[in-house]
């Protein structure tokens, strides 16, 4: 299982990430709020402002202080490393 760093030493399983979106949009904010209420939220921001939201295949939602493009690039490099 390959892990990808989402910032501040926090990792998620690269194969489990279904989507990486910017935390600025209203739908992303609603997704985060719903996940928080349902105890499905993983906060990997270390107290910083969330910049991206990762939706995992098991329904969990992870927050990252890194930009969505940065997380996506790290996921892309992980996928290229598997080949």
C-alpha atoms as a PDB file:
ATOM      1  CA  UNK A   1       0.000   0.000   0.000  1.00  0.00           C
ATOM      2  CA  UNK A   2       1.435   3.323  -1.082  1.00  0.00           C
ATOM      3  CA  UNK A   3       0.889   6.361   1.105  1.00  0.00           C
ATOM      4  CA  UNK A   4       0.853   9.955  -0.082  1.00  0.00           C
ATOM      5  CA  UNK A   5       1.792  12.887   2.139  1.00  0.00           C
ATOM      6  CA  UNK A   6      -1.083  15.380   2.471  1.00  0.00           C
ATOM      7  CA  UNK A   7       0.949  17.778   4.576  1.00  0.00           C
ATOM      8  CA  UNK A   8       2.408  18.080   8.066  1.00  0.00           C
ATOM      9  CA  UNK A   9       3.424  14.425   8.130  1.00  0.00           C
ATOM     10  CA  UNK A  10      -0.115  13.172   7.523  1.00  0.00           C
ATOM     11  CA  UNK A  11      -0.601  10.392   4.984  1.00  0.00           C
ATOM     12  CA  UNK A  12      -3.476   8.709   3.166  1.00  0.00           C
ATOM     13  CA  UNK A  13      -3.513   5.556   1.069  1.00  0.00           C
ATOM     14  CA  UNK A  14      -3.012   6.701  -2.522  1.00  0.00           C
ATOM     15  CA  UNK A  15      -5.180   3.924  -3.943  1.00  0.00           C
ATOM     16  CA  UNK A  16      -8.133   4.955  -1.751  1.00  0.00           C
ATOM     17  CA  UNK A  17      -8.373   8.576  -2.966  1.00  0.00           C
ATOM     18  CA  UNK A  18     -11.288   9.061  -5.350  1.00  0.00           C
ATOM     19  CA  UNK A  19     -11.274  12.858  -5.679  1.00  0.00           C
ATOM     20  CA  UNK A  20      -9.212  15.897  -4.720  1.00  0.00           C
ATOM     21  CA  UNK A  21     -11.105  19.197  -4.824  1.00  0.00           C
ATOM     22  CA  UNK A  22     -10.499  22.753  -3.726  1.00  0.00           C
ATOM     23  CA  UNK A  23     -11.968  23.532  -0.315  1.00  0.00           C
ATOM     24  CA  UNK A  24     -13.219  26.935  -1.500  1.00  0.00           C
ATOM     25  CA  UNK A  25     -16.334  25.783  -3.329  1.00  0.00           C
ATOM     26  CA  UNK A  26     -19.745  25.624  -1.666  1.00  0.00           C
ATOM     27  CA  UNK A  27     -20.276  21.916  -2.499  1.00  0.00           C
ATOM     28  CA  UNK A  28     -16.911  21.054  -0.935  1.00  0.00           C
ATOM     29  CA  UNK A  29     -17.809  23.011   2.197  1.00  0.00           C
ATOM     30  CA  UNK A  30     -21.141  21.157   2.410  1.00  0.00           C
ATOM     31  CA  UNK A  31     -19.350  17.822   1.962  1.00  0.00           C
ATOM     32  CA  UNK A  32     -16.959  18.694   4.789  1.00  0.00           C
ATOM     33  CA  UNK A  33     -19.801  19.821   7.064  1.00  0.00           C
ATOM     34  CA  UNK A  34     -21.807  16.645   6.382  1.00  0.00           C
ATOM     35  CA  UNK A  35     -18.733  14.485   7.019  1.00  0.00           C
ATOM     36  CA  UNK A  36     -18.027  16.342  10.269  1.00  0.00           C
ATOM     37  CA  UNK A  37     -21.581  15.786  11.506  1.00  0.00           C
ATOM     38  CA  UNK A  38     -21.435  12.087  10.570  1.00  0.00           C
ATOM     39  CA  UNK A  39     -17.967  11.596  12.143  1.00  0.00           C
ATOM     40  CA  UNK A  40     -16.396  10.760   8.754  1.00  0.00           C
ATOM     41  CA  UNK A  41     -13.923  13.670   8.678  1.00  0.00           C
ATOM     42  CA  UNK A  42     -10.145  13.344   8.951  1.00  0.00           C
ATOM     43  CA  UNK A  43      -8.509  16.723   9.613  1.00  0.00           C
ATOM     44  CA  UNK A  44      -4.918  16.675   8.368  1.00  0.00           C
ATOM     45  CA  UNK A  45      -4.433  20.436   8.440  1.00  0.00           C
ATOM     46  CA  UNK A  46      -2.574  20.679  11.773  1.00  0.00           C
ATOM     47  CA  UNK A  47      -4.639  23.748  12.636  1.00  0.00           C
ATOM     48  CA  UNK A  48      -4.067  25.511   9.312  1.00  0.00           C
ATOM     49  CA  UNK A  49      -6.755  26.562   6.851  1.00  0.00           C
ATOM     50  CA  UNK A  50      -7.971  23.688   4.678  1.00  0.00           C
ATOM     51  CA  UNK A  51      -7.072  24.202   1.017  1.00  0.00           C
ATOM     52  CA  UNK A  52      -8.151  20.859  -0.401  1.00  0.00           C
ATOM     53  CA  UNK A  53     -10.646  18.119   0.334  1.00  0.00           C
ATOM     54  CA  UNK A  54      -9.909  14.470  -0.408  1.00  0.00           C
ATOM     55  CA  UNK A  55     -12.826  12.095  -0.814  1.00  0.00           C
ATOM     56  CA  UNK A  56     -11.862   8.505  -0.053  1.00  0.00           C
ATOM     57  CA  UNK A  57     -13.528   5.414  -1.480  1.00  0.00           C
ATOM     58  CA  UNK A  58     -14.891   4.324   1.910  1.00  0.00           C
ATOM     59  CA  UNK A  59     -16.843   7.582   2.307  1.00  0.00           C
ATOM     60  CA  UNK A  60     -14.343   9.272   4.608  1.00  0.00           C
ATOM     61  CA  UNK A  61     -13.350  12.849   3.845  1.00  0.00           C
ATOM     62  CA  UNK A  62      -9.835  14.162   4.541  1.00  0.00           C
ATOM     63  CA  UNK A  63      -8.774  17.806   4.769  1.00  0.00           C
ATOM     64  CA  UNK A  64      -5.356  19.031   3.697  1.00  0.00           C
ATOM     65  CA  UNK A  65      -3.680  22.404   4.034  1.00  0.00           C
ATOM     66  CA  UNK A  66      -1.944  21.784   0.692  1.00  0.00           C
ATOM     67  CA  UNK A  67      -3.402  23.052  -2.561  1.00  0.00           C
ATOM     68  CA  UNK A  68      -5.429  20.527  -4.561  1.00  0.00           C
ATOM     69  CA  UNK A  69      -2.889  20.738  -7.411  1.00  0.00           C
ATOM     70  CA  UNK A  70      -0.052  19.817  -5.038  1.00  0.00           C
ATOM     71  CA  UNK A  71      -1.897  16.801  -3.653  1.00  0.00           C
ATOM     72  CA  UNK A  72      -2.884  15.725  -7.178  1.00  0.00           C
ATOM     73  CA  UNK A  73       0.746  15.976  -8.331  1.00  0.00           C
ATOM     74  CA  UNK A  74       1.849  13.816  -5.410  1.00  0.00           C
ATOM     75  CA  UNK A  75      -0.833  11.252  -6.216  1.00  0.00           C
ATOM     76  CA  UNK A  76       0.230  11.305  -9.868  1.00  0.00           C
ATOM     77  CA  UNK A  77       3.872  10.680  -8.950  1.00  0.00           C
ATOM     78  CA  UNK A  78       2.789   7.796  -6.691  1.00  0.00           C
ATOM     79  CA  UNK A  79       0.807   6.256  -9.559  1.00  0.00           C
ATOM     80  CA  UNK A  80       3.755   6.592 -11.926  1.00  0.00           C
ATOM     81  CA  UNK A  81       5.984   4.945  -9.328  1.00  0.00           C
ATOM     82  CA  UNK A  82       3.768   1.825  -9.317  1.00  0.00           C
ATOM     83  CA  UNK A  83       4.323   1.158 -13.030  1.00  0.00           C
END
